[in-house]
Amino acid sequence: MTLTAAKAKSRRRRAFTKADRFTLSMFVGVPAFLHIVWVWIPALLTIALSFTYWNGVQLSNIRWAGLANYDTIFTASPQFYSALRNNTYWLLWFSFIA
């Protein structure tokens, strides 16, 4: 074995170049960022706002409601169980055809 062959064999090549790492970070990072901004943040804010009284206009009018909104839905809203049943039917139907 010659010296150049041994040197070439012992030198390890990097898995990704800087351009490869940048491209990979753009392909993964941008969609992940957009997914967090457009899906997770609104979903978490919706859950947080479900525990408040708020008219949806002024941020200064937000008051803590606790579980009162859920109590109203489960006890005083007759449409809730009909909507829950219909959504369950849709879920089962689309689960069946998927």
C-alpha atoms as a PDB file:
ATOM      1  CA  MET A   1       0.000   0.000   0.000  1.00  0.00           C
ATOM      2  CA  THR A   2       1.412   3.352  -0.932  1.00  0.00           C
ATOM      3  CA  LEU A   3       1.483   6.439   1.211  1.00  0.00           C
ATOM      4  CA  THR A   4      -1.130   8.297  -0.846  1.00  0.00           C
ATOM      5  CA  ALA A   5      -3.545   5.378  -0.738  1.00  0.00           C
ATOM      6  CA  ALA A   6      -3.201   5.119   3.046  1.00  0.00           C
ATOM      7  CA  LYS A   7      -3.675   8.871   3.440  1.00  0.00           C
ATOM      8  CA  ALA A   8      -6.768   8.849   1.233  1.00  0.00           C
ATOM      9  CA  LYS A   9      -8.197   5.932   3.131  1.00  0.00           C
ATOM     10  CA  SER A  10      -7.591   7.423   6.564  1.00  0.00           C
ATOM     11  CA  ARG A  11      -9.029  10.842   5.759  1.00  0.00           C
ATOM     12  CA  ARG A  12     -12.724  10.854   6.523  1.00  0.00           C
ATOM     13  CA  ARG A  13     -15.029  12.812   4.310  1.00  0.00           C
ATOM     14  CA  ARG A  14     -17.740  14.968   5.893  1.00  0.00           C
ATOM     15  CA  ALA A  15     -21.235  13.610   5.541  1.00  0.00           C
ATOM     16  CA  PHE A  16     -22.756  16.962   4.565  1.00  0.00           C
ATOM     17  CA  THR A  17     -21.203  20.103   3.198  1.00  0.00           C
ATOM     18  CA  LYS A  18     -22.268  23.534   4.417  1.00  0.00           C
ATOM     19  CA  ALA A  19     -24.514  23.916   1.386  1.00  0.00           C
ATOM     20  CA  ASP A  20     -26.112  20.534   2.095  1.00  0.00           C
ATOM     21  CA  ARG A  21     -26.746  21.457   5.724  1.00  0.00           C
ATOM     22  CA  PHE A  22     -28.242  24.803   4.698  1.00  0.00           C
ATOM     23  CA  THR A  23     -30.504  23.141   2.132  1.00  0.00           C
ATOM     24  CA  LEU A  24     -31.582  20.506   4.622  1.00  0.00           C
ATOM     25  CA  SER A  25     -32.314  23.106   7.281  1.00  0.00           C
ATOM     26  CA  MET A  26     -34.433  25.077   4.801  1.00  0.00           C
ATOM     27  CA  PHE A  27     -36.352  21.994   3.684  1.00  0.00           C
ATOM     28  CA  VAL A  28     -37.034  20.952   7.277  1.00  0.00           C
ATOM     29  CA  GLY A  29     -36.978  24.252   9.148  1.00  0.00           C
ATOM     30  CA  VAL A  30     -39.306  26.377   7.034  1.00  0.00           C
ATOM     31  CA  PRO A  31     -42.212  23.880   6.947  1.00  0.00           C
ATOM     32  CA  ALA A  32     -41.727  23.110  10.645  1.00  0.00           C
ATOM     33  CA  PHE A  33     -41.808  26.826  11.479  1.00  0.00           C
ATOM     34  CA  LEU A  34     -44.921  27.397   9.357  1.00  0.00           C
ATOM     35  CA  HIS A  35     -46.613  24.365  10.902  1.00  0.00           C
ATOM     36  CA  ILE A  36     -45.938  25.674  14.398  1.00  0.00           C
ATOM     37  CA  VAL A  37     -47.155  29.176  13.505  1.00  0.00           C
ATOM     38  CA  TRP A  38     -50.285  28.158  11.578  1.00  0.00           C
ATOM     39  CA  VAL A  39     -51.348  25.005  13.436  1.00  0.00           C
ATOM     40  CA  TRP A  40     -49.942  24.698  16.956  1.00  0.00           C
ATOM     41  CA  ILE A  41     -50.108  28.305  18.145  1.00  0.00           C
ATOM     42  CA  PRO A  42     -53.773  28.791  17.097  1.00  0.00           C
ATOM     43  CA  ALA A  43     -54.706  25.395  18.545  1.00  0.00           C
ATOM     44  CA  LEU A  44     -53.104  26.149  21.905  1.00  0.00           C
ATOM     45  CA  LEU A  45     -54.589  29.654  22.009  1.00  0.00           C
ATOM     46  CA  THR A  46     -58.029  28.201  21.253  1.00  0.00           C
ATOM     47  CA  ILE A  47     -57.704  25.844  24.197  1.00  0.00           C
ATOM     48  CA  ALA A  48     -56.538  28.679  26.450  1.00  0.00           C
ATOM     49  CA  LEU A  49     -59.349  30.994  25.324  1.00  0.00           C
ATOM     50  CA  SER A  50     -61.971  28.313  25.917  1.00  0.00           C
ATOM     51  CA  PHE A  51     -61.443  28.883  29.638  1.00  0.00           C
ATOM     52  CA  THR A  52     -62.266  32.607  29.400  1.00  0.00           C
ATOM     53  CA  TYR A  53     -65.166  34.964  28.858  1.00  0.00           C
ATOM     54  CA  TRP A  54     -64.315  37.066  25.823  1.00  0.00           C
ATOM     55  CA  ASN A  55     -66.325  38.808  23.132  1.00  0.00           C
ATOM     56  CA  GLY A  56     -63.496  38.409  20.619  1.00  0.00           C
ATOM     57  CA  VAL A  57     -62.942  42.123  20.108  1.00  0.00           C
ATOM     58  CA  GLN A  58     -60.958  43.774  22.882  1.00  0.00           C
ATOM     59  CA  LEU A  59     -58.117  42.037  24.661  1.00  0.00           C
ATOM     60  CA  SER A  60     -58.861  44.037  27.809  1.00  0.00           C
ATOM     61  CA  ASN A  61     -62.247  42.285  28.140  1.00  0.00           C
ATOM     62  CA  ILE A  62     -60.791  38.799  28.668  1.00  0.00           C
ATOM     63  CA  ARG A  63     -61.917  37.386  32.022  1.00  0.00           C
ATOM     64  CA  TRP A  64     -61.149  33.981  33.476  1.00  0.00           C
ATOM     65  CA  ALA A  65     -64.132  31.610  33.329  1.00  0.00           C
ATOM     66  CA  GLY A  66     -62.570  28.351  34.425  1.00  0.00           C
ATOM     67  CA  LEU A  67     -64.770  25.389  33.571  1.00  0.00           C
ATOM     68  CA  ALA A  68     -67.973  27.458  33.399  1.00  0.00           C
ATOM     69  CA  ASN A  69     -67.991  27.426  29.587  1.00  0.00           C
ATOM     70  CA  TYR A  70     -67.715  23.645  29.538  1.00  0.00           C
ATOM     71  CA  ASP A  71     -70.408  23.333  32.193  1.00  0.00           C
ATOM     72  CA  THR A  72     -72.696  25.439  29.999  1.00  0.00           C
ATOM     73  CA  ILE A  73     -71.973  23.317  26.944  1.00  0.00           C
ATOM     74  CA  PHE A  74     -72.606  20.005  28.706  1.00  0.00           C
ATOM     75  CA  THR A  75     -75.680  21.040  30.707  1.00  0.00           C
ATOM     76  CA  ALA A  76     -77.499  23.975  29.113  1.00  0.00           C
ATOM     77  CA  SER A  77     -76.860  23.491  25.402  1.00  0.00           C
ATOM     78  CA  PRO A  78     -79.241  21.007  23.753  1.00  0.00           C
ATOM     79  CA  GLN A  79     -77.446  21.255  20.393  1.00  0.00           C
ATOM     80  CA  PHE A  80     -74.169  19.953  21.823  1.00  0.00           C
ATOM     81  CA  TYR A  81     -75.107  16.270  21.917  1.00  0.00           C
ATOM     82  CA  SER A  82     -76.630  16.411  18.447  1.00  0.00           C
ATOM     83  CA  ALA A  83     -73.452  18.011  17.094  1.00  0.00           C
ATOM     84  CA  LEU A  84     -71.307  15.470  18.951  1.00  0.00           C
ATOM     85  CA  ARG A  85     -73.330  12.596  17.486  1.00  0.00           C
ATOM     86  CA  ASN A  86     -73.101  14.023  13.949  1.00  0.00           C
ATOM     87  CA  ASN A  87     -69.348  14.539  14.238  1.00  0.00           C
ATOM     88  CA  THR A  88     -68.955  10.982  15.499  1.00  0.00           C
ATOM     89  CA  TYR A  89     -70.849   9.739  12.439  1.00  0.00           C
ATOM     90  CA  TRP A  90     -68.557  11.745  10.154  1.00  0.00           C
ATOM     91  CA  LEU A  91     -65.479  10.435  11.975  1.00  0.00           C
ATOM     92  CA  LEU A  92     -66.622   6.835  11.635  1.00  0.00           C
ATOM     93  CA  TRP A  93     -67.567   7.300   7.979  1.00  0.00           C
ATOM     94  CA  PHE A  94     -64.230   8.844   7.001  1.00  0.00           C
ATOM     95  CA  SER A  95     -62.332   6.275   9.075  1.00  0.00           C
ATOM     96  CA  PHE A  96     -64.163   3.548   7.185  1.00  0.00           C
ATOM     97  CA  ILE A  97     -63.471   4.917   3.702  1.00  0.00           C
ATOM     98  CA  ALA A  98     -59.857   5.901   4.412  1.00  0.00           C
END
